[in-house]
Protein backbone atom coordinates (compact mmCIF):
# COMPACT_ATOMS: atom_id res chain seq x y z
CA MET A 1 -3.47 -163.90 48.34
CA THR A 2 -0.85 -161.87 50.24
CA ARG A 3 1.76 -163.88 52.09
CA TYR A 4 3.02 -162.17 55.24
CA HIS A 5 5.93 -164.55 55.94
CA PHE A 6 9.11 -164.69 53.88
CA THR A 7 9.32 -167.39 51.22
CA LEU A 8 12.44 -169.47 50.65
CA GLU A 9 13.11 -167.54 47.43
CA GLN A 10 12.88 -164.22 49.26
CA ARG A 11 15.28 -165.47 51.91
CA GLN A 12 17.75 -166.47 49.19
CA TYR A 13 17.52 -162.97 47.73
CA ILE A 14 18.14 -161.46 51.19
CA LEU A 15 21.43 -163.36 51.46
CA LYS A 16 22.39 -162.44 47.89
CA TYR A 17 21.76 -158.72 48.44
CA VAL A 18 23.57 -158.69 51.82
CA ILE A 19 26.64 -160.22 50.15
CA GLU A 20 26.41 -157.52 47.44
CA GLY A 21 26.49 -154.89 50.19
CA LYS A 22 22.97 -153.50 49.71
CA SER A 23 21.39 -151.72 52.69
CA ILE A 24 18.48 -153.17 54.66
CA ARG A 25 16.20 -150.43 53.38
CA THR A 26 17.15 -151.20 49.76
CA ILE A 27 16.60 -154.94 50.24
CA ALA A 28 13.20 -154.27 51.83
CA SER A 29 12.17 -152.04 48.93
CA ILE A 30 13.12 -154.70 46.37
CA LEU A 31 11.21 -157.45 48.22
CA GLY A 32 8.18 -155.31 49.04
CA LYS A 33 8.69 -155.73 52.80
CA SER A 34 9.33 -153.31 55.63
CA PRO A 35 12.98 -152.69 56.64
CA SER A 36 12.22 -153.85 60.19
CA SER A 37 10.95 -157.20 58.86
CA VAL A 38 14.14 -157.80 56.89
CA SER A 39 16.26 -156.74 59.86
CA ARG A 40 14.40 -159.07 62.26
CA GLU A 41 14.68 -161.94 59.77
CA LEU A 42 18.46 -161.65 59.68
CA LYS A 43 18.85 -161.15 63.42
CA ASN A 44 16.46 -163.91 64.51
CA ARG A 45 17.41 -166.50 61.87
CA ARG A 46 21.20 -166.14 61.92
CA THR A 47 23.33 -169.11 63.01
CA LEU A 48 26.49 -169.00 65.17
CA ASP A 49 29.55 -170.73 63.71
CA ASN A 50 31.12 -173.34 66.06
CA PRO A 51 29.09 -172.28 69.10
CA THR A 52 30.93 -174.63 71.51
CA SER A 53 34.44 -173.32 70.81
CA LEU A 54 33.68 -169.67 70.14
CA ALA A 55 30.74 -168.95 72.43
CA HIS A 56 33.11 -167.31 74.96
CA GLU A 57 34.33 -164.77 72.41
CA PRO A 58 32.63 -161.35 72.62
CA ALA A 59 30.48 -160.32 69.65
CA ASN A 60 32.09 -156.89 69.51
CA CYS A 61 31.97 -156.51 65.73
CA SER A 62 29.69 -153.62 64.81
CA ARG A 63 28.38 -155.66 61.87
CA LEU A 64 26.87 -158.15 64.36
CA GLN A 65 25.51 -155.57 66.80
CA LYS A 66 23.33 -153.85 64.20
CA ALA A 67 22.15 -154.47 60.65
CA PRO A 68 22.96 -156.57 58.72
CA TRP A 69 23.61 -158.77 61.84
CA VAL A 70 25.59 -161.39 59.88
CA CYS A 71 29.12 -161.76 58.53
CA ALA A 72 28.04 -162.37 54.93
CA GLY A 73 29.54 -159.72 52.64
CA CYS A 74 32.27 -158.71 55.10
CA VAL A 75 35.64 -158.21 53.33
CA LYS A 76 37.55 -159.34 56.47
CA PHE A 77 35.58 -162.58 56.86
CA SER A 78 38.44 -164.94 55.89
CA VAL A 79 40.96 -163.43 58.34
CA CYS A 80 38.60 -162.40 61.18
CA ARG A 81 39.01 -164.38 64.44
CA LYS A 82 35.93 -162.99 66.14
CA ARG A 83 32.64 -164.73 66.61
CA LYS A 84 30.95 -165.34 63.26
CA TYR A 85 27.24 -165.41 62.41
CA ARG A 86 25.94 -166.75 59.12
CA TYR A 87 22.53 -166.71 57.46
CA TYR A 88 21.33 -169.93 55.75
CA PRO A 89 18.08 -169.34 53.78
CA GLU A 90 17.09 -173.04 53.70
CA GLN A 91 17.56 -173.50 57.45
CA ALA A 92 15.82 -170.19 58.21
CA ASP A 93 12.82 -171.23 56.12
CA LYS A 94 12.62 -174.64 57.82
CA ASP A 95 12.85 -173.11 61.32
CA SER A 96 10.16 -170.57 60.44
CA VAL A 97 7.71 -173.27 59.32
CA ILE A 98 8.33 -175.34 62.48
CA LEU A 99 7.80 -172.30 64.70
CA LEU A 100 4.58 -171.38 62.89
CA LYS A 101 3.16 -174.90 63.28
CA ASP A 102 4.12 -175.08 66.95
CA SER A 103 2.58 -171.70 67.71
CA ARG A 104 -0.73 -172.82 66.22
CA ARG A 105 -0.70 -176.19 67.96
CA LYS A 106 0.46 -175.46 71.49
CA ILE A 107 -1.82 -174.45 74.35
CA ARG A 108 -0.84 -170.97 75.50
CA THR A 109 -3.46 -170.62 78.22
CA GLY A 110 -1.78 -172.75 80.91
CA SER A 111 -3.43 -175.16 83.36
CA GLU A 112 -4.86 -172.41 85.58
CA GLY A 113 -6.26 -170.60 82.56
CA LEU A 114 -7.84 -173.77 81.20
CA HIS A 115 -9.42 -174.46 84.59
CA TYR A 116 -10.80 -170.91 84.70
CA LEU A 117 -12.23 -171.20 81.17
CA ASN A 118 -13.74 -174.60 81.95
CA GLU A 119 -15.49 -173.28 85.06
CA PHE A 120 -16.65 -170.24 83.11
CA LEU A 121 -17.97 -172.02 79.99
CA THR A 122 -19.50 -175.22 81.36
CA PRO A 123 -22.61 -173.80 83.09
CA LEU A 124 -23.34 -171.41 80.23
CA VAL A 125 -23.17 -174.15 77.58
CA LYS A 126 -24.54 -177.15 79.47
CA LYS A 127 -27.20 -175.50 81.62
CA LYS A 128 -28.26 -172.51 79.54
CA HIS A 129 -27.34 -173.97 76.13
CA GLN A 130 -25.70 -170.73 75.05
CA THR A 131 -23.62 -170.82 71.87
CA LEU A 132 -19.86 -170.22 71.98
CA ALA A 133 -20.34 -167.28 69.62
CA HIS A 134 -22.79 -165.65 72.04
CA ILE A 135 -20.55 -166.33 75.06
CA TYR A 136 -17.50 -164.92 73.29
CA ALA A 137 -19.36 -161.81 72.08
CA SER A 138 -20.54 -161.13 75.65
CA HIS A 139 -17.31 -162.02 77.52
CA SER A 140 -14.37 -161.73 75.11
CA ASP A 141 -12.35 -159.63 77.58
CA GLU A 142 -12.80 -162.24 80.32
CA ILE A 143 -12.03 -165.17 78.00
CA GLY A 144 -8.78 -163.66 76.74
CA ILE A 145 -8.30 -165.90 73.68
CA SER A 146 -9.72 -165.78 70.17
CA ILE A 147 -12.98 -167.49 69.23
CA SER A 148 -11.12 -169.86 66.86
CA THR A 149 -8.78 -170.88 69.70
CA LEU A 150 -11.78 -171.45 71.93
CA TYR A 151 -13.34 -173.80 69.37
CA ARG A 152 -10.00 -175.55 68.92
CA TYR A 153 -9.67 -176.18 72.67
CA VAL A 154 -13.14 -177.72 72.62
CA ASP A 155 -12.07 -179.92 69.69
CA GLN A 156 -9.01 -181.00 71.70
CA ASN A 157 -11.27 -182.05 74.64
CA LEU A 158 -9.58 -179.65 77.07
CA PHE A 159 -12.91 -178.69 78.69
CA ASP A 160 -15.89 -180.52 80.14
CA VAL A 161 -17.76 -178.92 77.24
CA LYS A 162 -17.54 -181.23 74.20
CA ASN A 163 -18.55 -180.78 70.58
CA ILE A 164 -21.69 -182.80 71.30
CA ASP A 165 -22.78 -180.03 73.70
CA LEU A 166 -22.56 -177.35 71.03
CA PRO A 167 -25.55 -176.45 68.83
CA ARG A 168 -26.17 -178.98 66.11
CA ARG A 169 -25.30 -178.02 62.59
CA VAL A 170 -28.21 -178.40 60.24
CA ARG A 171 -27.45 -180.85 57.46
CA TYR A 172 -29.58 -180.51 54.39
CA ALA A 173 -30.17 -183.44 52.07
CA LYS A 174 -28.59 -183.18 48.67
CA ARG A 175 -31.05 -181.51 46.36
CA SER A 176 -32.16 -183.47 43.35
CA LYS A 177 -31.75 -181.81 39.99
CA PRO A 178 -34.96 -181.09 38.11
CA ASP A 179 -35.72 -183.35 35.19
CA SER A 180 -34.92 -181.30 32.07
CA ASN A 181 -37.17 -183.53 29.94
CA LYS A 182 -40.19 -182.98 32.12
CA GLU A 183 -42.67 -180.38 30.94
CA PRO A 184 -42.70 -177.33 33.24
CA SER A 185 -45.72 -177.17 35.50
CA VAL A 186 -48.02 -174.17 35.38
CA ASP A 187 -47.95 -171.95 38.45
CA PRO A 188 -51.23 -171.98 40.38
CA ALA A 189 -53.26 -168.78 40.38
CA TYR A 190 -52.15 -167.59 43.81
CA ARG A 191 -48.51 -167.40 42.58
CA LYS A 192 -49.28 -165.21 39.57
CA ASP A 193 -46.91 -162.23 39.62
CA ARG A 194 -45.72 -163.43 43.04
CA ASP A 195 -43.07 -166.05 42.22
CA TYR A 196 -39.38 -165.73 43.08
CA VAL A 197 -38.52 -164.05 39.78
CA ALA A 198 -41.18 -161.42 40.47
CA PHE A 199 -39.76 -161.01 43.99
CA GLN A 200 -36.26 -160.35 42.64
CA ALA A 201 -37.60 -157.85 40.13
CA TYR A 202 -39.60 -156.05 42.83
CA VAL A 203 -36.58 -155.80 45.15
CA LYS A 204 -34.39 -154.54 42.32
CA LYS A 205 -36.95 -151.85 41.56
CA ASN A 206 -37.27 -150.98 45.28
CA PRO A 207 -33.74 -151.52 46.68
CA LYS A 208 -34.47 -149.87 50.05
CA ILE A 209 -37.57 -151.98 50.76
CA ARG A 210 -37.46 -153.99 53.99
CA ILE A 211 -37.76 -157.73 53.41
CA SER A 212 -39.19 -160.35 55.77
CA GLU A 213 -39.30 -164.13 55.53
CA MET A 214 -42.23 -166.24 56.76
CA ASP A 215 -42.62 -169.91 57.61
CA SER A 216 -44.40 -172.38 59.86
CA VAL A 217 -42.99 -174.62 62.59
CA ILE A 218 -44.98 -177.79 63.02
CA GLY A 219 -45.28 -179.63 66.32
CA LYS A 220 -45.60 -183.38 66.69
CA ARG A 221 -45.92 -185.15 63.33
CA GLY A 222 -49.50 -186.17 62.64
CA ASP A 223 -50.74 -183.81 65.35
CA SER A 224 -53.40 -181.44 64.03
CA GLY A 225 -53.10 -179.15 67.05
CA LYS A 226 -51.21 -175.93 67.59
CA THR A 227 -48.55 -174.69 65.18
CA ILE A 228 -46.22 -171.71 65.13
CA LEU A 229 -46.07 -168.93 62.54
CA THR A 230 -42.60 -167.35 62.28
CA ILE A 231 -41.68 -164.06 60.57
CA LEU A 232 -38.07 -162.88 60.32
CA LEU A 233 -36.78 -159.38 59.54
CA ARG A 234 -33.85 -159.82 57.16
CA ASN A 235 -31.99 -156.64 58.09
CA SER A 236 -31.58 -157.75 61.72
CA ASN A 237 -32.42 -161.49 61.83
CA TYR A 238 -35.08 -160.59 64.41
CA MET A 239 -37.70 -163.35 64.47
CA PHE A 240 -41.33 -163.21 65.62
CA ALA A 241 -43.31 -166.31 66.56
CA PHE A 242 -47.09 -166.57 66.90
CA LEU A 243 -49.07 -169.54 68.19
CA ARG A 244 -52.01 -170.75 66.10
CA ASP A 245 -54.64 -173.31 67.00
CA SER A 246 -54.44 -174.88 63.54
CA ASN A 247 -52.23 -174.69 60.49
CA ASP A 248 -54.64 -173.08 58.00
CA ALA A 249 -54.81 -169.90 55.93
CA LYS A 250 -57.41 -168.27 58.17
CA SER A 251 -55.12 -168.48 61.23
CA VAL A 252 -52.36 -166.64 59.33
CA VAL A 253 -54.73 -163.88 58.22
CA ASP A 254 -56.00 -163.58 61.82
CA ILE A 255 -52.41 -163.07 63.06
CA PHE A 256 -51.89 -160.32 60.46
CA ASN A 257 -55.13 -158.60 61.51
CA LYS A 258 -54.17 -158.70 65.22
CA LEU A 259 -50.74 -157.27 64.45
CA GLU A 260 -52.18 -154.42 62.40
CA LYS A 261 -54.61 -153.57 65.21
CA LYS A 262 -51.80 -153.46 67.78
CA LEU A 263 -49.26 -151.61 65.66
CA GLY A 264 -51.37 -149.53 63.33
CA TYR A 265 -51.16 -149.60 59.54
CA CYS A 266 -47.94 -147.57 59.15
CA ARG A 267 -45.90 -149.51 61.70
CA PHE A 268 -47.15 -152.83 60.32
CA TYR A 269 -46.11 -151.80 56.81
CA ASN A 270 -42.72 -150.53 58.00
CA LEU A 271 -41.98 -153.86 59.68
CA PHE A 272 -43.39 -156.20 57.02
CA SER A 273 -43.22 -154.28 53.71
CA VAL A 274 -42.38 -157.41 51.70
CA ILE A 275 -42.79 -161.01 52.86
CA LEU A 276 -41.19 -164.00 51.15
CA THR A 277 -42.67 -167.37 52.05
CA ASP A 278 -43.05 -170.93 50.78
CA ASN A 279 -45.93 -172.69 49.08
CA GLY A 280 -47.56 -174.15 52.18
CA SER A 281 -51.33 -174.40 52.13
CA GLU A 282 -51.56 -171.91 55.01
CA PHE A 283 -50.04 -169.18 52.79
CA LYS A 284 -52.27 -169.56 49.74
CA GLN A 285 -54.49 -166.53 50.39
CA PRO A 286 -52.11 -163.67 49.50
CA GLN A 287 -54.88 -161.13 48.86
CA GLU A 288 -56.31 -161.67 52.35
CA MET A 289 -52.87 -161.36 53.96
CA GLU A 290 -52.18 -158.16 52.04
CA LYS A 291 -55.60 -156.59 52.64
CA SER A 292 -55.51 -153.83 55.27
CA LEU A 293 -58.32 -153.57 57.81
CA GLN A 294 -58.68 -149.80 57.44
CA HIS A 295 -56.85 -148.69 54.30
CA LYS A 296 -57.28 -149.28 50.60
CA LEU A 297 -53.51 -149.64 50.21
CA PRO A 298 -52.05 -153.11 50.90
CA ARG A 299 -50.34 -153.57 54.29
CA THR A 300 -47.68 -155.87 52.81
CA LYS A 301 -46.61 -157.56 49.56
CA ILE A 302 -46.47 -161.39 49.46
CA PHE A 303 -44.07 -163.40 47.28
CA TYR A 304 -43.34 -167.14 47.06
CA CYS A 305 -40.15 -169.19 46.82
CA ASP A 306 -39.69 -171.73 44.06
CA ALA A 307 -40.83 -175.27 44.82
CA ARG A 308 -38.30 -177.26 46.91
CA ALA A 309 -36.05 -174.19 47.21
CA SER A 310 -36.16 -173.38 50.92
CA GLN A 311 -32.65 -171.87 50.62
CA GLN A 312 -34.29 -168.83 49.02
CA LYS A 313 -35.49 -167.98 52.53
CA GLY A 314 -32.50 -169.55 54.24
CA ARG A 315 -32.26 -167.08 57.12
CA ILE A 316 -35.54 -168.10 58.70
CA GLU A 317 -34.78 -171.78 58.07
CA LYS A 318 -31.46 -171.33 59.90
CA ASN A 319 -33.10 -169.42 62.76
CA HIS A 320 -35.50 -172.29 63.35
CA GLU A 321 -32.49 -174.11 64.87
CA TYR A 322 -32.84 -171.89 67.93
CA ILE A 323 -36.50 -172.81 68.34
CA ARG A 324 -35.67 -176.51 68.00
CA LYS A 325 -33.12 -176.26 70.82
CA ILE A 326 -35.96 -175.30 73.15
CA LEU A 327 -38.80 -177.17 71.41
CA PRO A 328 -37.13 -180.27 69.88
CA GLN A 329 -38.49 -181.99 66.79
CA GLY A 330 -41.53 -184.07 67.67
CA THR A 331 -42.60 -181.83 70.58
CA SER A 332 -46.33 -181.12 70.77
CA PHE A 333 -47.25 -177.43 71.08
CA ASP A 334 -50.67 -178.09 72.62
CA ASN A 335 -49.54 -177.10 76.14
CA LEU A 336 -47.70 -174.02 74.87
CA THR A 337 -49.10 -170.51 75.37
CA GLN A 338 -48.29 -167.29 73.50
CA GLU A 339 -46.69 -166.02 76.71
CA ASP A 340 -44.35 -169.04 76.65
CA LEU A 341 -43.53 -168.35 73.02
CA ASP A 342 -42.84 -164.67 73.71
CA ARG A 343 -40.37 -165.68 76.44
CA ILE A 344 -38.65 -168.10 74.04
CA MET A 345 -38.31 -165.41 71.37
CA ASN A 346 -36.92 -162.87 73.84
CA HIS A 347 -34.08 -165.27 74.61
CA ILE A 348 -33.50 -166.28 70.97
CA ASN A 349 -33.43 -162.66 69.77
CA SER A 350 -30.94 -161.80 72.54
CA VAL A 351 -28.33 -164.31 71.32
CA LYS A 352 -25.24 -162.51 70.02
CA ARG A 353 -24.12 -163.85 66.63
CA LYS A 354 -20.89 -163.64 64.69
CA SER A 355 -22.85 -163.03 61.47
CA LEU A 356 -24.25 -159.84 63.04
CA GLY A 357 -20.86 -158.52 64.14
CA ASN A 358 -21.17 -160.10 67.62
CA ARG A 359 -24.48 -158.33 68.19
CA SER A 360 -27.90 -159.78 68.89
CA PRO A 361 -30.92 -159.28 66.60
CA PHE A 362 -32.33 -156.90 69.23
CA GLU A 363 -29.22 -154.74 68.92
CA CYS A 364 -29.54 -154.59 65.11
CA LEU A 365 -33.04 -153.10 65.07
CA THR A 366 -33.65 -149.54 63.95
CA ARG A 367 -35.15 -147.12 66.44
CA GLY A 368 -38.56 -147.36 64.74
CA GLN A 369 -38.48 -151.16 64.68
CA LEU A 370 -37.47 -151.26 68.34
CA PHE A 371 -40.42 -149.05 69.28
CA SER A 372 -42.84 -151.35 67.41
CA ILE A 373 -41.37 -154.48 68.96
CA ARG A 374 -41.59 -153.10 72.48
CA LYS A 375 -45.20 -152.23 71.74
CA LEU A 376 -45.75 -155.96 71.13
CA GLY A 377 -44.28 -156.74 74.57
CA TYR A 378 -40.85 -158.06 73.59
CA HIS A 379 -37.70 -157.10 75.52
CA LEU A 380 -33.95 -157.74 75.53
CA ILE A 381 -32.51 -160.39 77.86
CA ASP A 382 -29.21 -159.77 79.66
CA PRO A 383 -26.42 -161.73 77.90
CA ASN A 384 -25.64 -163.70 81.08
CA GLU A 385 -29.28 -164.72 81.46
CA VAL A 386 -29.81 -165.92 77.88
CA CYS A 387 -30.96 -169.54 77.95
CA LEU A 388 -31.67 -171.83 74.99
CA SER A 389 -32.75 -174.78 77.09
CA PRO A 390 -36.30 -176.15 77.53
CA SER A 391 -35.90 -175.19 81.17
CA ILE A 392 -36.97 -171.59 80.42
CA LEU A 393 -40.53 -172.88 79.97
CA LYS A 394 -40.58 -173.95 83.61
CA LYS A 395 -39.97 -170.41 84.90
């Protein structure tokens, strides 16, 4: 890893070479630094000899008014009565470390700036439940500090916004290692040529193929009512959500059929060329999901993750966090409508994310994908209006 600051050893070499009479440019070349860096190091880290008794003396020596800035190496040093500056590598290194720590610790915004940031952030985080990453991506010029500094100020409790107000981080239980002595189970018929190894081989053979991930979001535990089918486009993190009256295979096939009717075969295939999903009972009819209504060619290709390996479709698992901010765990979906769900997804897909280069999933879609998505009735939400609170269902 490249170190941008001088090390103690490099500072010792600087003093040695100055005493030997080497030029700043030569010293810089030996150390692999720029001449200006070496010059600034000597000028900013030099120490005045006897500052109380000699501070009134003018520093009219040309050696002190330009490089090398210090008296080291001067042949007249022992007899000179003018102001003297020395360079001590150990002290320079210690001062540099202290300055670096202080610059990272101190608050540079000022009380008025902190008040402004507090008034700016609080309603967006507490009322609209926007993430700091989204806020920063939308208003970096107005915020005026880096995203890491913004998080650090929250950690230091300088705002009304606290860490508890920020989106929860998903914590996954430690995965148990498979028993090596246990005989491997035989894949059921629906997984034949559709397991994760087959998926990897298919993607390797078709590197430009567009991949989607599919999952279900269940409502209240033990409730046999409405559930949500989610499909995520990997290239943009754009996520669809469709309400189903029950969590069965027929409801998934029905969703696919409705989508193909609305989009047409070609646009359906372009959006969902390959789908990776888990082994839920609702996904165990791959032939029916792949079967086109009007064409002999399949409309998609279905593959399955390994058992207890949800990280293989980790993007959709992570994106479910946004849904759970609006529809918390244990919420029944029975009073939810598809219109409500479309509104939720418009807001979720308008959230700017650091992982997408401070863009939203909407902004990462291709022109063809955007046309298809608008055909389904979805639209982009203004960054200031994005809301990840359950309150959007009351509008």
